[in-house]
Amino acid sequence: MKEIGIPITQHSKLPDVVLFDRKKNWLYLIEAVTSHGPVSPKRIVELEELLKDCKAGKVYVSAFPDFAEFKKHSTNIAWETEVWVVDFPEHMIHFNGDRFMGPR
């Protein structure tokens, strides 16, 4: 984490799951909605500040246990993020934009 510019002293501020694709230089930041809620506009600002020294492209994902939970939080999901629902594991929902998945 230190190698790609992620502060290792602030784990509690990181999302539930952080994955790095070295080949693409993409950092997947995945929030389990049941623990902290979805990737909201406020959360994007917090994470951008925390990861300001990380040069990898950031892909924000909100993970939901089911579609009912997704519907409860849908108005608080940030644009330009991805959504994954356990009910439909082979599909992703993209919130707007010109690309399905990738850093902005």
N, C-alpha and C. Protein backbone atom coordinates (compact mmCIF):
# COMPACT_ATOMS: atom_id res chain seq x y z
N MET A 1 0.82 -1.19 0.00
CA MET A 1 0.00 0.00 0.00
C MET A 1 0.87 1.26 0.00
N LYS A 2 1.90 1.21 0.81
CA LYS A 2 2.80 2.35 0.89
C LYS A 2 3.44 2.64 -0.48
N GLU A 3 3.77 1.58 -1.19
CA GLU A 3 4.42 1.71 -2.50
C GLU A 3 3.58 2.50 -3.51
N ILE A 4 2.25 2.40 -3.42
CA ILE A 4 1.40 3.10 -4.38
C ILE A 4 0.78 4.37 -3.81
N GLY A 5 1.22 4.80 -2.64
CA GLY A 5 0.80 6.08 -2.09
C GLY A 5 -0.43 6.04 -1.20
N ILE A 6 -0.71 4.89 -0.59
CA ILE A 6 -1.83 4.78 0.34
C ILE A 6 -1.27 4.86 1.75
N PRO A 7 -1.74 5.83 2.54
CA PRO A 7 -1.23 5.94 3.92
C PRO A 7 -1.62 4.72 4.74
N ILE A 8 -0.64 4.04 5.27
CA ILE A 8 -0.93 2.80 6.00
C ILE A 8 -1.26 3.04 7.46
N THR A 9 -1.24 4.27 7.91
CA THR A 9 -1.56 4.57 9.31
C THR A 9 -3.04 4.89 9.51
N GLN A 10 -3.81 4.94 8.44
CA GLN A 10 -5.21 5.34 8.55
C GLN A 10 -6.15 4.26 8.02
N HIS A 11 -5.92 3.01 8.41
CA HIS A 11 -6.73 1.89 7.91
C HIS A 11 -8.22 2.09 8.16
N SER A 12 -8.58 2.69 9.28
CA SER A 12 -9.99 2.82 9.61
C SER A 12 -10.73 3.72 8.63
N LYS A 13 -10.01 4.55 7.92
CA LYS A 13 -10.64 5.44 6.95
C LYS A 13 -10.74 4.82 5.56
N LEU A 14 -10.06 3.71 5.36
CA LEU A 14 -10.12 3.03 4.07
C LEU A 14 -11.44 2.28 3.93
N PRO A 15 -11.86 2.01 2.69
CA PRO A 15 -13.07 1.20 2.48
C PRO A 15 -12.88 -0.22 3.01
N ASP A 16 -13.97 -0.98 3.02
CA ASP A 16 -13.94 -2.35 3.53
C ASP A 16 -12.98 -3.24 2.75
N VAL A 17 -12.93 -3.05 1.44
CA VAL A 17 -12.05 -3.86 0.59
C VAL A 17 -11.28 -2.92 -0.33
N VAL A 18 -9.97 -3.13 -0.41
CA VAL A 18 -9.11 -2.36 -1.33
C VAL A 18 -8.34 -3.37 -2.16
N LEU A 19 -8.53 -3.30 -3.47
CA LEU A 19 -7.84 -4.20 -4.40
C LEU A 19 -7.05 -3.35 -5.39
N PHE A 20 -5.85 -3.82 -5.73
CA PHE A 20 -5.02 -3.09 -6.68
C PHE A 20 -4.72 -3.99 -7.87
N ASP A 21 -5.04 -3.50 -9.07
CA ASP A 21 -4.72 -4.19 -10.31
C ASP A 21 -3.46 -3.52 -10.86
N ARG A 22 -2.33 -4.14 -10.62
CA ARG A 22 -1.05 -3.55 -11.01
C ARG A 22 -0.95 -3.37 -12.53
N LYS A 23 -1.48 -4.33 -13.27
CA LYS A 23 -1.40 -4.26 -14.74
C LYS A 23 -2.12 -3.03 -15.29
N LYS A 24 -3.30 -2.74 -14.78
CA LYS A 24 -4.08 -1.58 -15.25
C LYS A 24 -3.78 -0.32 -14.45
N ASN A 25 -3.13 -0.50 -13.28
CA ASN A 25 -2.89 0.59 -12.35
C ASN A 25 -4.22 1.19 -11.87
N TRP A 26 -5.15 0.28 -11.52
CA TRP A 26 -6.45 0.67 -10.99
C TRP A 26 -6.55 0.22 -9.54
N LEU A 27 -7.11 1.09 -8.72
CA LEU A 27 -7.36 0.79 -7.32
C LEU A 27 -8.87 0.67 -7.13
N TYR A 28 -9.34 -0.51 -6.76
CA TYR A 28 -10.76 -0.74 -6.52
C TYR A 28 -11.04 -0.48 -5.04
N LEU A 29 -11.93 0.45 -4.77
CA LEU A 29 -12.29 0.84 -3.41
C LEU A 29 -13.74 0.41 -3.19
N ILE A 30 -13.92 -0.64 -2.41
CA ILE A 30 -15.23 -1.28 -2.29
C ILE A 30 -15.78 -1.10 -0.88
N GLU A 31 -16.97 -0.51 -0.82
CA GLU A 31 -17.66 -0.33 0.46
C GLU A 31 -18.77 -1.36 0.57
N ALA A 32 -18.77 -2.13 1.65
CA ALA A 32 -19.88 -3.02 1.97
C ALA A 32 -20.95 -2.15 2.62
N VAL A 33 -22.05 -2.01 1.96
CA VAL A 33 -23.09 -1.08 2.41
C VAL A 33 -23.55 -1.36 3.83
N THR A 34 -23.57 -2.61 4.23
CA THR A 34 -24.05 -2.96 5.56
C THR A 34 -23.12 -2.50 6.68
N SER A 35 -21.88 -2.12 6.34
CA SER A 35 -20.98 -1.65 7.39
C SER A 35 -20.90 -0.13 7.46
N HIS A 36 -20.78 0.53 6.31
CA HIS A 36 -20.60 1.99 6.33
C HIS A 36 -21.49 2.75 5.37
N GLY A 37 -22.37 2.07 4.68
CA GLY A 37 -23.19 2.73 3.68
C GLY A 37 -22.50 2.72 2.32
N PRO A 38 -23.19 3.25 1.30
CA PRO A 38 -22.63 3.23 -0.05
C PRO A 38 -21.55 4.29 -0.25
N VAL A 39 -20.94 4.26 -1.41
CA VAL A 39 -19.99 5.31 -1.79
C VAL A 39 -20.83 6.53 -2.15
N SER A 40 -20.90 7.46 -1.22
CA SER A 40 -21.70 8.68 -1.38
C SER A 40 -20.81 9.80 -1.89
N PRO A 41 -21.39 10.92 -2.32
CA PRO A 41 -20.55 12.06 -2.71
C PRO A 41 -19.61 12.50 -1.58
N LYS A 42 -20.09 12.49 -0.34
CA LYS A 42 -19.25 12.86 0.81
C LYS A 42 -18.09 11.87 0.96
N ARG A 43 -18.38 10.59 0.78
CA ARG A 43 -17.33 9.56 0.93
C ARG A 43 -16.27 9.71 -0.16
N ILE A 44 -16.69 10.07 -1.36
CA ILE A 44 -15.72 10.30 -2.45
C ILE A 44 -14.74 11.41 -2.05
N VAL A 45 -15.26 12.50 -1.53
CA VAL A 45 -14.40 13.61 -1.11
C VAL A 45 -13.41 13.14 -0.03
N GLU A 46 -13.89 12.40 0.95
CA GLU A 46 -13.02 11.89 2.01
C GLU A 46 -11.92 10.98 1.46
N LEU A 47 -12.31 10.07 0.56
CA LEU A 47 -11.33 9.14 0.01
C LEU A 47 -10.34 9.83 -0.93
N GLU A 48 -10.81 10.79 -1.71
CA GLU A 48 -9.90 11.53 -2.59
C GLU A 48 -8.84 12.26 -1.77
N GLU A 49 -9.23 12.84 -0.65
CA GLU A 49 -8.28 13.52 0.22
C GLU A 49 -7.30 12.51 0.84
N LEU A 50 -7.82 11.41 1.35
CA LEU A 50 -6.99 10.38 1.96
C LEU A 50 -5.98 9.81 0.96
N LEU A 51 -6.42 9.65 -0.29
CA LEU A 51 -5.59 8.99 -1.32
C LEU A 51 -4.97 9.98 -2.31
N LYS A 52 -4.79 11.21 -1.88
CA LYS A 52 -4.27 12.25 -2.78
C LYS A 52 -2.89 11.92 -3.34
N ASP A 53 -2.10 11.12 -2.64
CA ASP A 53 -0.76 10.76 -3.11
C ASP A 53 -0.74 9.47 -3.93
N CYS A 54 -1.88 8.83 -4.06
CA CYS A 54 -1.97 7.60 -4.84
C CYS A 54 -2.28 7.96 -6.30
N LYS A 55 -1.41 7.57 -7.19
CA LYS A 55 -1.55 7.92 -8.61
C LYS A 55 -2.37 6.90 -9.40
N ALA A 56 -2.76 5.81 -8.77
CA ALA A 56 -3.57 4.79 -9.46
C ALA A 56 -4.95 5.36 -9.74
N GLY A 57 -5.57 4.88 -10.82
CA GLY A 57 -6.95 5.25 -11.11
C GLY A 57 -7.86 4.61 -10.08
N LYS A 58 -8.82 5.35 -9.60
CA LYS A 58 -9.69 4.85 -8.54
C LYS A 58 -11.05 4.44 -9.08
N VAL A 59 -11.47 3.23 -8.72
CA VAL A 59 -12.77 2.70 -9.11
C VAL A 59 -13.55 2.50 -7.82
N TYR A 60 -14.62 3.26 -7.66
CA TYR A 60 -15.43 3.21 -6.44
C TYR A 60 -16.60 2.25 -6.64
N VAL A 61 -16.77 1.32 -5.70
CA VAL A 61 -17.82 0.31 -5.79
C VAL A 61 -18.58 0.23 -4.47
N SER A 62 -19.92 0.26 -4.56
CA SER A 62 -20.78 -0.02 -3.40
C SER A 62 -21.29 -1.44 -3.57
N ALA A 63 -21.10 -2.27 -2.54
CA ALA A 63 -21.52 -3.67 -2.60
C ALA A 63 -22.74 -3.87 -1.70
N PHE A 64 -23.81 -4.44 -2.27
CA PHE A 64 -25.07 -4.63 -1.56
C PHE A 64 -25.39 -6.11 -1.41
N PRO A 65 -26.00 -6.50 -0.28
CA PRO A 65 -26.35 -7.91 -0.08
C PRO A 65 -27.55 -8.35 -0.91
N ASP A 66 -28.42 -7.39 -1.27
CA ASP A 66 -29.60 -7.73 -2.07
C ASP A 66 -30.17 -6.46 -2.69
N PHE A 67 -31.11 -6.65 -3.62
CA PHE A 67 -31.66 -5.52 -4.36
C PHE A 67 -32.51 -4.62 -3.46
N ALA A 68 -33.17 -5.18 -2.46
CA ALA A 68 -33.96 -4.36 -1.54
C ALA A 68 -33.07 -3.36 -0.80
N GLU A 69 -31.90 -3.80 -0.37
CA GLU A 69 -30.96 -2.91 0.31
C GLU A 69 -30.45 -1.84 -0.65
N PHE A 70 -30.20 -2.21 -1.90
CA PHE A 70 -29.79 -1.25 -2.92
C PHE A 70 -30.84 -0.15 -3.07
N LYS A 71 -32.10 -0.53 -3.15
CA LYS A 71 -33.16 0.46 -3.31
C LYS A 71 -33.22 1.43 -2.14
N LYS A 72 -32.95 0.96 -0.93
CA LYS A 72 -32.96 1.84 0.25
C LYS A 72 -31.90 2.94 0.15
N HIS A 73 -30.78 2.62 -0.46
CA HIS A 73 -29.64 3.55 -0.50
C HIS A 73 -29.43 4.23 -1.84
N SER A 74 -30.25 3.93 -2.82
CA SER A 74 -29.97 4.38 -4.20
C SER A 74 -29.86 5.89 -4.35
N THR A 75 -30.55 6.66 -3.53
CA THR A 75 -30.47 8.12 -3.66
C THR A 75 -29.19 8.70 -3.05
N ASN A 76 -28.41 7.88 -2.36
CA ASN A 76 -27.19 8.37 -1.72
C ASN A 76 -25.92 7.85 -2.40
N ILE A 77 -26.07 7.20 -3.53
CA ILE A 77 -24.91 6.67 -4.26
C ILE A 77 -24.34 7.77 -5.17
N ALA A 78 -23.04 7.96 -5.12
CA ALA A 78 -22.39 9.00 -5.93
C ALA A 78 -22.40 8.63 -7.41
N TRP A 79 -22.55 9.65 -8.24
CA TRP A 79 -22.44 9.45 -9.68
C TRP A 79 -21.00 9.05 -10.01
N GLU A 80 -20.84 8.40 -11.14
CA GLU A 80 -19.53 7.93 -11.61
C GLU A 80 -18.96 6.85 -10.71
N THR A 81 -19.83 6.04 -10.09
CA THR A 81 -19.39 4.91 -9.28
C THR A 81 -20.09 3.65 -9.78
N GLU A 82 -19.65 2.52 -9.25
CA GLU A 82 -20.20 1.23 -9.64
C GLU A 82 -20.99 0.64 -8.47
N VAL A 83 -21.94 -0.23 -8.80
CA VAL A 83 -22.74 -0.93 -7.79
C VAL A 83 -22.72 -2.41 -8.10
N TRP A 84 -22.50 -3.21 -7.08
CA TRP A 84 -22.56 -4.67 -7.21
C TRP A 84 -23.56 -5.18 -6.19
N VAL A 85 -24.45 -6.10 -6.64
CA VAL A 85 -25.49 -6.66 -5.78
C VAL A 85 -25.34 -8.17 -5.76
N VAL A 86 -25.31 -8.76 -4.56
CA VAL A 86 -25.14 -10.21 -4.41
C VAL A 86 -26.21 -10.97 -5.20
N ASP A 87 -27.44 -10.42 -5.24
CA ASP A 87 -28.53 -11.08 -5.97
C ASP A 87 -28.20 -11.30 -7.46
N PHE A 88 -27.33 -10.44 -8.01
CA PHE A 88 -26.95 -10.50 -9.43
C PHE A 88 -25.43 -10.44 -9.55
N PRO A 89 -24.72 -11.45 -9.07
CA PRO A 89 -23.26 -11.35 -8.97
C PRO A 89 -22.53 -11.18 -10.29
N GLU A 90 -23.14 -11.58 -11.40
CA GLU A 90 -22.46 -11.46 -12.69
C GLU A 90 -22.70 -10.11 -13.37
N HIS A 91 -23.40 -9.20 -12.69
CA HIS A 91 -23.72 -7.90 -13.27
C HIS A 91 -23.23 -6.76 -12.39
N MET A 92 -22.95 -5.64 -13.02
CA MET A 92 -22.61 -4.40 -12.32
C MET A 92 -23.58 -3.33 -12.79
N ILE A 93 -23.84 -2.37 -11.93
CA ILE A 93 -24.66 -1.22 -12.29
C ILE A 93 -23.72 -0.02 -12.27
N HIS A 94 -23.71 0.73 -13.36
CA HIS A 94 -22.87 1.92 -13.42
C HIS A 94 -23.76 3.15 -13.25
N PHE A 95 -23.38 4.02 -12.35
CA PHE A 95 -24.14 5.24 -12.12
C PHE A 95 -23.61 6.34 -13.05
N ASN A 96 -24.20 6.37 -14.28
CA ASN A 96 -23.97 7.43 -15.25
C ASN A 96 -22.55 7.40 -15.83
N GLY A 97 -22.31 8.27 -16.76
CA GLY A 97 -20.98 8.45 -17.30
C GLY A 97 -20.78 7.82 -18.67
N ASP A 98 -19.61 8.06 -19.21
CA ASP A 98 -19.29 7.60 -20.55
C ASP A 98 -18.65 6.23 -20.60
N ARG A 99 -18.24 5.72 -19.45
CA ARG A 99 -17.60 4.40 -19.38
C ARG A 99 -18.30 3.54 -18.36
N PHE A 100 -18.25 2.23 -18.56
CA PHE A 100 -18.87 1.35 -17.56
C PHE A 100 -17.99 1.25 -16.34
N MET A 101 -16.77 0.80 -16.50
CA MET A 101 -15.90 0.65 -15.32
C MET A 101 -14.53 1.17 -15.66
N GLY A 102 -14.00 1.91 -14.74
CA GLY A 102 -12.65 2.42 -14.89
C GLY A 102 -12.48 3.66 -14.05
N PRO A 103 -11.27 4.08 -13.89
CA PRO A 103 -11.02 5.28 -13.10
C PRO A 103 -11.49 6.50 -13.84
N ARG A 104 -11.71 7.55 -13.12
CA ARG A 104 -12.15 8.81 -13.71
C ARG A 104 -11.00 9.76 -13.87
